[in-house]
Amino acid sequence: MSSAEPKNVKREQDSLYAKRKEIYPRQVHGIFARWRVAMVLLTLGLYYILPWINWGEGRQALLFDLPNRKFNIFMMTLWPQDLIYLSAVLVISALALFLFTTVGGRLWCGYACPQTVWTEVFLWIERRVEGSRPQQMKLAKSPWNTEKLIKKASKHIIWVLFSLWTGFTFVGYFTPIRELAAAIPTLDYGPWETFWILFYAFATYGNAGWLREQVCIYMCPYARFQSVMFDDNTLIISYDDKRGEPRGTRKRGRDKPKDKGDCIDCGLCVQACPTGIDIREGLQYQCIACAACIDACDDVMDKMNYDKGLVRYTTLNEVKGRGLHIFRPRVFVYSAILIGLIVAMIWSLIMRVPVGVDITRDRNILYREAANGDLENVFMIQIMNQDRKGHNFVISIDGMPGAVLDPDQPETYAESGEIVETLVRIRASGDIIKDRSTNITLRITAVDDEKLTDEEDARFIAPADWFQ
């Protein structure tokens, strides 16, 4: 092996395992910055407020009660038997992501992704404590002293407290949040509640405080497969190199040099980028479409008295002069499927009856003859009450006129979320039994609400010699 080979290997290792460069995103102002702030307030507002909202009889409006196996979602209570709706929500979410990505690129990443939203809050805290981008960079390079120690410690203390609040709220979706709040003075939490509060707080603190762009660049799979959903008509953030090149610095208020483009090479678009990329180098998978570079560039164009839009939301086809075609066949296909699934799920939820019945024949004996000569079949009936309150249920039979229940129309009480089993004997006299196997229907109905009803088919069995 030559002496040059180890050096080449070392250079390859350096490129593969490059040390992270600290990024200090410049704060920008503009229409897209206002949209990001609005989305932060909306998403985090919903996250932190929803657990505190009650619905109906003092129950938490949004509570995934795993120990009791029920999920309160505003006016509905869902049970493990309703997990089909969770599957439907996941499918709808995936299709919505495909549609939004096909039309608008990584809008989810730039405005609504939890990593982006919480990072924006952490950056805001950092700016309030340490100052603007130049002040933060100056503080980072300065030697440790009292001022630096106080600022750094204050920032991290606020980060930790905010993260703990985030973890507390997360657990509040699974344990009644008012019970969690009442236990704060004594910290009387169970092991799982303690674990998840600390774990979610640690994840928030680590991802939004330390990893930041590393999550988007290296950990998020969406950055890798987004190209499958992109085409030349997908909205992306793009730099107009025909208009901007060649770049060159110039003084404000002077006429634009004839040999220069609109880009004054100020670098503010790079300084504003939370992932540290240069949008002028073209579309890159690290771009989260937050549009901070657009706001920064538009501000510069205003000051230079140039037209805005040197960096803008556009498509590759529009940049190449082929026109803007956002609405295309794949968009309509995704939209039609998505709307169809949403309508189907809503209709299913509206028509959903929160009770169920399951019938099992007594396997010990198919039939038996009563003392009065009637024939009797025995069934085990399971009543599943998925309503928010308990009900008395009455059992009835259809399909075999003259057959009776023993006891006659028994009532069975089932508490909310309870599955109750009861034995039912069906008797029929010889003159109404016409065949060895007769199809019947057993129905349950809530005494106080006739809309709460369900039924299941069964068979009444008679011996072969019954007809001889």
Protein backbone atom coordinates (compact mmCIF):
# COMPACT_ATOMS: atom_id res chain seq x y z
CA MET A 1 0.00 0.00 0.00
CA SER A 2 1.40 3.35 -1.01
CA SER A 3 1.74 6.22 1.44
CA ALA A 4 -0.85 8.20 -0.51
CA GLU A 5 -3.65 5.67 0.04
CA PRO A 6 -4.17 6.27 3.77
CA LYS A 7 -4.43 10.01 3.11
CA ASN A 8 -7.12 9.42 0.51
CA VAL A 9 -9.00 7.23 2.95
CA LYS A 10 -8.71 9.89 5.63
CA ARG A 11 -10.08 12.57 3.29
CA GLU A 12 -13.04 10.29 2.46
CA GLN A 13 -13.73 9.78 6.13
CA ASP A 14 -13.61 13.52 6.73
CA SER A 15 -16.24 14.07 4.05
CA LEU A 16 -18.50 11.33 5.33
CA TYR A 17 -18.32 12.36 8.96
CA ALA A 18 -18.17 16.13 8.72
CA LYS A 19 -18.38 17.98 12.00
CA ARG A 20 -21.63 19.83 12.47
CA LYS A 21 -21.42 23.56 11.88
CA GLU A 22 -23.46 25.63 14.30
CA ILE A 23 -26.29 27.46 12.52
CA TYR A 24 -27.66 30.76 13.78
CA PRO A 25 -30.70 31.52 11.59
CA ARG A 26 -31.25 35.22 11.00
CA GLN A 27 -34.67 36.47 12.03
CA VAL A 28 -36.58 37.77 9.03
CA HIS A 29 -39.89 39.55 8.59
CA GLY A 30 -42.38 39.21 5.80
CA ILE A 31 -45.54 37.48 4.68
CA PHE A 32 -44.14 33.95 5.02
CA ALA A 33 -42.67 34.71 8.45
CA ARG A 34 -46.13 35.82 9.53
CA TRP A 35 -47.60 32.61 8.16
CA ARG A 36 -45.06 30.56 10.14
CA VAL A 37 -45.89 32.45 13.33
CA ALA A 38 -49.61 31.91 12.69
CA MET A 39 -49.07 28.17 12.20
CA VAL A 40 -46.96 27.96 15.37
CA LEU A 41 -49.73 29.66 17.35
CA LEU A 42 -52.40 27.48 15.77
CA THR A 43 -50.68 24.09 16.12
CA LEU A 44 -49.17 24.62 19.56
CA GLY A 45 -52.30 26.40 20.74
CA LEU A 46 -54.36 23.33 19.84
CA TYR A 47 -51.77 20.99 21.35
CA TYR A 48 -51.62 22.73 24.73
CA ILE A 49 -55.29 23.75 25.03
CA LEU A 50 -57.23 20.72 23.74
CA PRO A 51 -56.59 18.46 26.78
CA TRP A 52 -58.15 21.09 29.07
CA ILE A 53 -61.45 21.24 27.16
CA ASN A 54 -64.35 19.27 28.61
CA TRP A 55 -67.24 17.88 26.62
CA GLY A 56 -70.66 16.94 27.87
CA GLU A 57 -70.81 15.50 31.37
CA GLY A 58 -67.47 16.83 32.57
CA ARG A 59 -65.39 14.34 30.60
CA GLN A 60 -62.21 15.38 28.82
CA ALA A 61 -63.00 16.13 25.19
CA LEU A 62 -59.87 14.46 23.85
CA LEU A 63 -58.63 11.55 25.95
CA PHE A 64 -57.08 8.26 24.84
CA ASP A 65 -57.85 6.23 27.95
CA LEU A 66 -55.72 3.13 27.37
CA PRO A 67 -56.31 1.43 30.78
CA ASN A 68 -60.08 1.56 30.22
CA ARG A 69 -59.70 0.91 26.49
CA LYS A 70 -61.79 3.84 25.34
CA PHE A 71 -61.01 6.98 23.36
CA ASN A 72 -62.98 10.15 23.90
CA ILE A 73 -62.98 12.31 20.77
CA PHE A 74 -65.37 15.19 21.46
CA MET A 75 -68.93 13.87 21.07
CA MET A 76 -67.79 10.31 20.29
CA THR A 77 -66.37 7.52 22.37
CA LEU A 78 -64.46 4.90 20.38
CA TRP A 79 -63.34 1.48 21.56
CA PRO A 80 -60.76 -1.08 20.44
CA GLN A 81 -63.38 -2.51 18.06
CA ASP A 82 -63.30 0.85 16.25
CA LEU A 83 -59.61 0.73 15.33
CA ILE A 84 -60.69 0.61 11.70
CA TYR A 85 -61.18 4.38 12.02
CA LEU A 86 -57.57 4.78 13.09
CA SER A 87 -56.50 2.90 9.96
CA ALA A 88 -58.71 5.18 7.89
CA VAL A 89 -57.18 8.30 9.49
CA LEU A 90 -53.65 7.01 8.75
CA VAL A 91 -54.52 6.27 5.12
CA ILE A 92 -56.17 9.70 4.72
CA SER A 93 -53.14 11.39 6.30
CA ALA A 94 -50.77 9.59 3.93
CA LEU A 95 -52.83 10.53 0.87
CA ALA A 96 -53.11 14.12 2.09
CA LEU A 97 -49.32 14.24 2.43
CA PHE A 98 -48.94 12.91 -1.12
CA LEU A 99 -51.40 15.49 -2.44
CA PHE A 100 -49.90 18.47 -0.61
CA THR A 101 -46.38 17.42 -1.58
CA THR A 102 -47.35 16.97 -5.23
CA VAL A 103 -48.89 20.45 -5.30
CA GLY A 104 -46.82 22.49 -2.84
CA GLY A 105 -43.65 20.55 -2.10
CA ARG A 106 -42.56 20.43 1.53
CA LEU A 107 -45.16 22.83 2.92
CA TRP A 108 -45.75 20.41 5.80
CA CYS A 109 -42.08 20.59 6.76
CA GLY A 110 -41.91 24.35 6.60
CA TYR A 111 -45.07 25.24 8.49
CA ALA A 112 -46.68 22.37 10.42
CA CYS A 113 -44.11 19.66 11.19
CA PRO A 114 -43.63 19.33 14.99
CA GLN A 115 -39.86 19.57 14.53
CA THR A 116 -40.24 22.90 12.73
CA VAL A 117 -42.89 24.24 15.09
CA TRP A 118 -41.02 23.51 18.32
CA THR A 119 -37.71 24.64 16.82
CA GLU A 120 -39.32 28.01 16.03
CA VAL A 121 -40.31 28.35 19.70
CA PHE A 122 -36.81 27.41 20.88
CA LEU A 123 -35.26 29.90 18.45
CA TRP A 124 -37.60 32.60 19.73
CA ILE A 125 -36.52 31.86 23.31
CA GLU A 126 -32.89 31.90 22.23
CA ARG A 127 -33.24 35.30 20.59
CA ARG A 128 -35.01 36.74 23.63
CA VAL A 129 -32.18 35.61 25.92
CA GLU A 130 -29.04 35.84 23.79
CA GLY A 131 -30.02 38.46 21.24
CA SER A 132 -29.88 38.61 17.47
CA ARG A 133 -27.80 36.39 15.19
CA PRO A 134 -24.61 38.53 15.41
CA GLN A 135 -25.00 38.76 19.18
CA GLN A 136 -25.42 34.99 19.48
CA MET A 137 -22.32 34.36 17.35
CA LYS A 138 -20.31 36.87 19.36
CA LEU A 139 -21.46 35.26 22.62
CA ALA A 140 -20.52 31.79 21.37
CA LYS A 141 -16.98 32.91 20.50
CA SER A 142 -16.43 34.88 23.70
CA PRO A 143 -14.66 33.26 26.69
CA TRP A 144 -16.73 31.98 29.56
CA ASN A 145 -17.63 34.75 31.98
CA THR A 146 -20.53 35.66 34.25
CA GLU A 147 -22.63 37.17 31.49
CA LYS A 148 -22.21 34.19 29.19
CA LEU A 149 -22.89 31.72 31.99
CA ILE A 150 -26.09 33.54 33.03
CA LYS A 151 -27.41 33.78 29.47
CA LYS A 152 -26.61 30.19 28.55
CA ALA A 153 -28.01 28.84 31.84
CA SER A 154 -31.16 30.96 31.55
CA LYS A 155 -31.79 29.79 28.01
CA HIS A 156 -31.44 26.13 28.90
CA ILE A 157 -33.55 26.45 32.05
CA ILE A 158 -36.39 27.97 29.98
CA TRP A 159 -35.92 25.25 27.35
CA VAL A 160 -36.13 22.53 30.00
CA LEU A 161 -39.23 24.03 31.64
CA PHE A 162 -40.95 24.40 28.29
CA SER A 163 -40.01 20.81 27.39
CA LEU A 164 -41.39 19.50 30.69
CA TRP A 165 -44.63 21.36 30.03
CA THR A 166 -44.70 19.74 26.60
CA GLY A 167 -44.18 16.27 28.07
CA PHE A 168 -46.81 16.93 30.75
CA THR A 169 -49.33 17.96 28.07
CA PHE A 170 -48.51 14.87 25.98
CA VAL A 171 -49.29 12.55 28.90
CA GLY A 172 -52.46 14.62 29.49
CA TYR A 173 -53.88 13.10 26.30
CA PHE A 174 -53.68 9.62 27.90
CA THR A 175 -54.26 10.38 31.59
CA PRO A 176 -56.89 12.98 32.60
CA ILE A 177 -54.88 16.18 32.62
CA ARG A 178 -56.66 17.64 35.64
CA GLU A 179 -55.58 14.61 37.66
CA LEU A 180 -52.01 15.19 36.46
CA ALA A 181 -52.21 18.86 37.42
CA ALA A 182 -53.56 18.03 40.89
CA ALA A 183 -50.57 15.73 41.46
CA ILE A 184 -47.95 18.38 40.60
CA PRO A 185 -47.33 19.54 44.22
CA THR A 186 -46.55 15.98 45.38
CA LEU A 187 -45.31 14.59 42.03
CA ASP A 188 -47.41 11.54 42.79
CA TYR A 189 -47.22 10.03 39.31
CA GLY A 190 -47.15 6.42 38.25
CA PRO A 191 -44.00 4.95 36.68
CA TRP A 192 -45.33 5.11 33.13
CA GLU A 193 -46.60 8.67 33.51
CA THR A 194 -43.22 9.74 34.91
CA PHE A 195 -41.36 7.95 32.13
CA TRP A 196 -43.36 9.49 29.31
CA ILE A 197 -43.30 13.02 30.73
CA LEU A 198 -39.51 12.86 31.01
CA PHE A 199 -39.01 11.01 27.73
CA TYR A 200 -41.15 13.43 25.70
CA ALA A 201 -39.54 16.39 27.44
CA PHE A 202 -36.09 15.00 26.65
CA ALA A 203 -37.07 14.43 23.01
CA THR A 204 -38.38 18.00 22.70
CA TYR A 205 -35.32 19.48 24.38
CA GLY A 206 -32.91 17.40 22.32
CA ASN A 207 -34.58 17.73 18.93
CA ALA A 208 -35.58 21.40 19.06
CA GLY A 209 -32.72 22.65 21.22
CA TRP A 210 -29.68 20.70 20.02
CA LEU A 211 -30.31 18.62 16.89
CA ARG A 212 -32.57 21.04 14.98
CA GLU A 213 -31.61 20.85 11.31
CA GLN A 214 -29.90 17.50 11.90
CA VAL A 215 -33.33 15.91 12.37
CA CYS A 216 -34.51 17.30 9.02
CA ILE A 217 -31.33 16.45 7.13
CA TYR A 218 -30.35 13.06 8.53
CA MET A 219 -33.19 11.57 10.59
CA CYS A 220 -36.41 12.46 8.76
CA PRO A 221 -37.28 9.90 6.02
CA TYR A 222 -39.55 12.39 4.27
CA ALA A 223 -36.50 14.30 3.03
CA ARG A 224 -35.36 11.14 1.23
CA PHE A 225 -38.51 10.02 -0.55
CA GLN A 226 -39.98 13.43 -1.36
CA SER A 227 -38.43 13.27 -4.84
CA VAL A 228 -40.82 10.41 -5.70
CA MET A 229 -43.76 12.81 -5.28
CA PHE A 230 -42.10 15.80 -6.99
CA ASP A 231 -42.34 16.61 -10.67
CA ASP A 232 -41.56 19.67 -12.78
CA ASN A 233 -44.94 21.21 -11.86
CA THR A 234 -44.50 20.93 -8.07
CA LEU A 235 -44.19 24.23 -6.23
CA ILE A 236 -40.69 24.63 -4.83
CA ILE A 237 -38.59 27.51 -3.57
CA SER A 238 -36.28 28.44 -6.39
CA TYR A 239 -33.70 31.08 -7.22
CA ASP A 240 -34.15 32.70 -10.64
CA ASP A 241 -30.57 32.43 -11.89
CA LYS A 242 -31.43 33.97 -15.28
CA ARG A 243 -32.42 37.13 -13.52
CA GLY A 244 -29.93 37.01 -10.67
CA GLU A 245 -26.70 36.03 -12.41
CA PRO A 246 -24.00 37.12 -12.57
CA ARG A 247 -24.00 38.17 -8.94
CA GLY A 248 -22.18 41.17 -7.69
CA THR A 249 -22.08 43.62 -4.82
CA ARG A 250 -23.10 47.22 -5.34
CA LYS A 251 -24.09 50.25 -3.34
CA ARG A 252 -27.66 50.98 -2.52
CA GLY A 253 -29.25 53.72 -4.61
CA ARG A 254 -26.90 53.23 -7.57
CA ASP A 255 -28.16 52.07 -10.95
CA LYS A 256 -27.77 48.36 -11.54
CA PRO A 257 -24.55 47.57 -13.40
CA LYS A 258 -25.23 46.33 -16.92
CA ASP A 259 -22.92 43.35 -16.46
CA LYS A 260 -24.60 42.22 -13.21
CA GLY A 261 -27.83 40.45 -12.32
CA ASP A 262 -30.24 41.39 -9.55
CA CYS A 263 -28.49 39.29 -6.89
CA ILE A 264 -26.16 41.53 -4.87
CA ASP A 265 -24.54 38.49 -3.22
CA CYS A 266 -25.42 39.70 0.28
CA GLY A 267 -25.81 36.16 1.62
CA LEU A 268 -28.90 36.99 3.70
CA CYS A 269 -30.85 34.12 2.11
CA VAL A 270 -28.20 31.73 3.46
CA GLN A 271 -28.13 33.38 6.88
CA ALA A 272 -31.93 33.08 7.16
CA CYS A 273 -32.03 29.39 6.24
CA PRO A 274 -32.64 27.14 9.30
CA THR A 275 -30.83 24.24 7.60
CA GLY A 276 -27.90 26.36 6.39
CA ILE A 277 -28.19 25.78 2.65
CA ASP A 278 -27.69 28.22 -0.23
CA ILE A 279 -30.90 28.23 -2.26
CA ARG A 280 -28.97 29.75 -5.17
CA GLU A 281 -27.34 26.36 -5.74
CA GLY A 282 -30.66 24.85 -6.81
CA LEU A 283 -33.21 22.50 -5.24
CA GLN A 284 -31.73 20.51 -2.35
CA TYR A 285 -33.28 17.83 -0.19
CA GLN A 286 -32.29 19.80 2.92
CA CYS A 287 -34.71 22.60 1.98
CA ILE A 288 -37.82 22.47 4.20
CA ALA A 289 -39.71 25.11 2.19
CA CYS A 290 -40.05 27.49 5.13
CA ALA A 291 -39.61 30.48 2.76
CA ALA A 292 -37.34 32.40 5.15
CA CYS A 293 -34.98 32.97 2.21
CA ILE A 294 -37.87 34.50 0.21
CA ASP A 295 -38.64 37.02 2.95
CA ALA A 296 -34.94 37.88 3.30
CA CYS A 297 -34.44 38.35 -0.44
CA ASP A 298 -37.67 40.31 -0.96
CA ASP A 299 -36.59 42.72 1.79
CA VAL A 300 -33.27 43.28 0.01
CA MET A 301 -34.99 43.73 -3.36
CA ASP A 302 -37.24 46.39 -1.78
CA LYS A 303 -34.24 48.27 -0.45
CA MET A 304 -32.48 48.08 -3.80
CA ASN A 305 -35.70 49.15 -5.59
CA TYR A 306 -35.72 45.92 -7.62
CA ASP A 307 -38.70 43.72 -8.35
CA LYS A 308 -39.44 41.05 -5.76
CA GLY A 309 -39.39 37.37 -6.62
CA LEU A 310 -35.71 36.72 -7.26
CA VAL A 311 -36.23 33.85 -4.80
CA ARG A 312 -39.83 32.67 -4.86
CA TYR A 313 -42.28 29.81 -4.81
CA THR A 314 -42.42 28.51 -8.37
CA THR A 315 -42.02 25.36 -10.46
CA LEU A 316 -39.18 24.08 -12.58
CA ASN A 317 -41.36 24.38 -15.67
CA GLU A 318 -42.22 28.00 -14.87
CA VAL A 319 -38.55 28.86 -14.35
CA LYS A 320 -37.79 27.29 -17.75
CA GLY A 321 -40.55 29.35 -19.37
CA ARG A 322 -42.98 26.47 -19.88
CA GLY A 323 -45.79 27.98 -17.83
CA LEU A 324 -47.30 27.25 -14.43
CA HIS A 325 -49.42 24.08 -14.34
CA ILE A 326 -50.23 23.24 -10.73
CA PHE A 327 -53.52 21.43 -11.43
CA ARG A 328 -52.79 18.28 -13.42
CA PRO A 329 -54.21 14.71 -13.64
CA ARG A 330 -52.35 13.26 -10.65
CA VAL A 331 -53.61 16.13 -8.48
CA PHE A 332 -57.21 15.42 -9.45
CA VAL A 333 -56.75 11.67 -8.87
CA TYR A 334 -55.26 12.23 -5.38
CA SER A 335 -58.01 14.75 -4.59
CA ALA A 336 -60.82 12.47 -5.72
CA ILE A 337 -59.52 9.51 -3.70
CA LEU A 338 -58.91 11.70 -0.65
CA ILE A 339 -62.37 13.30 -0.76
CA GLY A 340 -63.98 9.89 -1.27
CA LEU A 341 -62.22 8.42 1.78
CA ILE A 342 -63.04 11.42 3.97
CA VAL A 343 -66.73 11.32 2.98
CA ALA A 344 -66.87 7.55 3.54
CA MET A 345 -65.30 7.82 7.00
CA ILE A 346 -67.59 10.68 8.05
CA TRP A 347 -70.63 8.80 6.79
CA SER A 348 -69.53 5.69 8.66
CA LEU A 349 -69.10 7.67 11.87
CA ILE A 350 -72.52 9.29 11.46
CA MET A 351 -74.21 5.93 10.85
CA ARG A 352 -72.21 4.14 13.54
CA VAL A 353 -74.35 2.43 16.19
CA PRO A 354 -72.39 2.19 19.45
CA VAL A 355 -73.77 -1.23 20.43
CA GLY A 356 -72.99 -4.69 19.13
CA VAL A 357 -74.19 -8.25 19.57
CA ASP A 358 -72.42 -11.56 19.06
CA ILE A 359 -74.30 -14.89 19.20
CA THR A 360 -72.78 -18.28 19.98
CA ARG A 361 -74.72 -21.55 20.10
CA ASP A 362 -74.43 -23.74 23.20
CA ARG A 363 -71.96 -26.34 21.96
CA ASN A 364 -72.85 -28.89 24.63
CA ILE A 365 -76.24 -29.67 23.10
CA LEU A 366 -77.80 -28.55 19.80
CA TYR A 367 -81.38 -28.89 21.03
CA ARG A 368 -83.48 -30.46 23.76
CA GLU A 369 -87.12 -31.26 24.35
CA ALA A 370 -88.94 -29.43 27.15
CA ALA A 371 -91.41 -31.07 29.54
CA ASN A 372 -94.39 -29.70 27.60
CA GLY A 373 -93.11 -31.14 24.31
CA ASP A 374 -91.67 -27.90 22.91
CA LEU A 375 -88.23 -27.88 21.34
CA GLU A 376 -85.59 -25.64 22.86
CA ASN A 377 -82.30 -24.15 21.53
CA VAL A 378 -79.84 -22.36 23.81
CA PHE A 379 -77.66 -19.41 22.71
CA MET A 380 -75.00 -17.35 24.42
CA ILE A 381 -75.44 -13.65 23.58
CA GLN A 382 -72.65 -11.11 24.04
CA ILE A 383 -73.81 -7.50 24.31
CA MET A 384 -71.14 -4.85 23.67
CA ASN A 385 -72.12 -1.40 24.90
CA GLN A 386 -69.85 1.19 23.26
CA ASP A 387 -72.02 4.13 24.25
CA ARG A 388 -70.92 6.76 26.79
CA LYS A 389 -73.43 5.51 29.40
CA GLY A 390 -74.98 2.24 30.56
CA HIS A 391 -78.24 0.84 29.18
CA ASN A 392 -80.76 -1.92 29.81
CA PHE A 393 -81.12 -4.04 26.68
CA VAL A 394 -84.13 -6.15 25.69
CA ILE A 395 -83.69 -9.21 23.45
CA SER A 396 -86.19 -10.13 20.75
CA ILE A 397 -86.48 -12.78 18.01
CA ASP A 398 -87.57 -12.52 14.36
CA GLY A 399 -87.92 -15.02 11.56
CA MET A 400 -89.83 -17.76 13.39
CA PRO A 401 -93.40 -16.69 14.19
CA GLY A 402 -94.67 -18.32 17.37
CA ALA A 403 -91.23 -18.95 18.87
CA VAL A 404 -90.74 -17.48 22.32
CA LEU A 405 -87.84 -16.49 24.52
CA ASP A 406 -87.44 -18.07 27.92
CA PRO A 407 -87.51 -15.94 29.92
CA ASP A 408 -89.80 -13.74 27.84
CA GLN A 409 -87.83 -10.75 26.46
CA PRO A 410 -85.17 -10.68 29.20
CA GLU A 411 -83.50 -7.37 30.02
CA THR A 412 -79.74 -7.23 30.44
CA TYR A 413 -77.81 -4.24 31.77
CA ALA A 414 -74.46 -3.31 30.22
CA GLU A 415 -72.32 -0.49 31.58
CA SER A 416 -70.48 1.87 29.22
CA GLY A 417 -67.62 -0.05 27.60
CA GLU A 418 -68.78 -3.34 29.12
CA ILE A 419 -69.26 -6.67 27.35
CA VAL A 420 -72.01 -8.70 29.01
CA GLU A 421 -72.88 -12.34 28.32
CA THR A 422 -76.33 -13.81 28.88
CA LEU A 423 -77.99 -17.16 28.10
CA VAL A 424 -81.14 -17.12 26.00
CA ARG A 425 -83.44 -20.12 25.45
CA ILE A 426 -85.68 -20.12 22.40
CA ARG A 427 -88.69 -22.45 22.52
CA ALA A 428 -90.93 -23.49 19.65
CA SER A 429 -93.87 -25.92 19.53
CA GLY A 430 -94.03 -28.67 16.96
CA ASP A 431 -96.67 -27.03 14.79
CA ILE A 432 -94.45 -24.02 13.98
CA ILE A 433 -91.23 -25.94 13.25
CA LYS A 434 -91.20 -26.54 9.49
CA ASP A 435 -87.60 -27.60 8.86
CA ARG A 436 -84.56 -29.08 10.60
CA SER A 437 -82.79 -25.71 10.30
CA THR A 438 -84.69 -22.42 10.49
CA ASN A 439 -83.02 -19.06 10.02
CA ILE A 440 -83.79 -16.65 12.84
CA THR A 441 -82.61 -13.19 13.88
CA LEU A 442 -81.82 -12.17 17.44
CA ARG A 443 -81.97 -8.47 18.14
CA ILE A 444 -80.90 -6.32 21.09
CA THR A 445 -82.42 -2.88 21.71
CA ALA A 446 -81.74 -0.34 24.44
CA VAL A 447 -84.86 0.22 26.54
CA ASP A 448 -84.27 3.99 26.77
CA ASP A 449 -83.16 4.55 23.17
CA GLU A 450 -84.56 2.46 20.31
CA LYS A 451 -81.84 3.75 17.96
CA LEU A 452 -79.28 1.75 19.93
CA THR A 453 -79.98 -1.63 18.37
CA ASP A 454 -78.08 -4.42 16.66
CA GLU A 455 -78.92 -7.88 15.38
CA GLU A 456 -77.29 -11.09 14.23
CA ASP A 457 -78.54 -14.14 12.37
CA ALA A 458 -78.62 -17.63 13.90
CA ARG A 459 -80.27 -21.00 13.19
CA PHE A 460 -82.86 -22.91 15.14
CA ILE A 461 -82.02 -26.62 14.92
CA ALA A 462 -84.49 -29.51 15.19
CA PRO A 463 -83.78 -33.28 15.27
CA ALA A 464 -84.37 -35.39 12.14
CA ASP A 465 -86.96 -37.58 13.84
CA TRP A 466 -89.02 -34.52 14.81
CA PHE A 467 -90.80 -34.66 11.44
CA GLN A 468 -91.51 -38.42 11.43
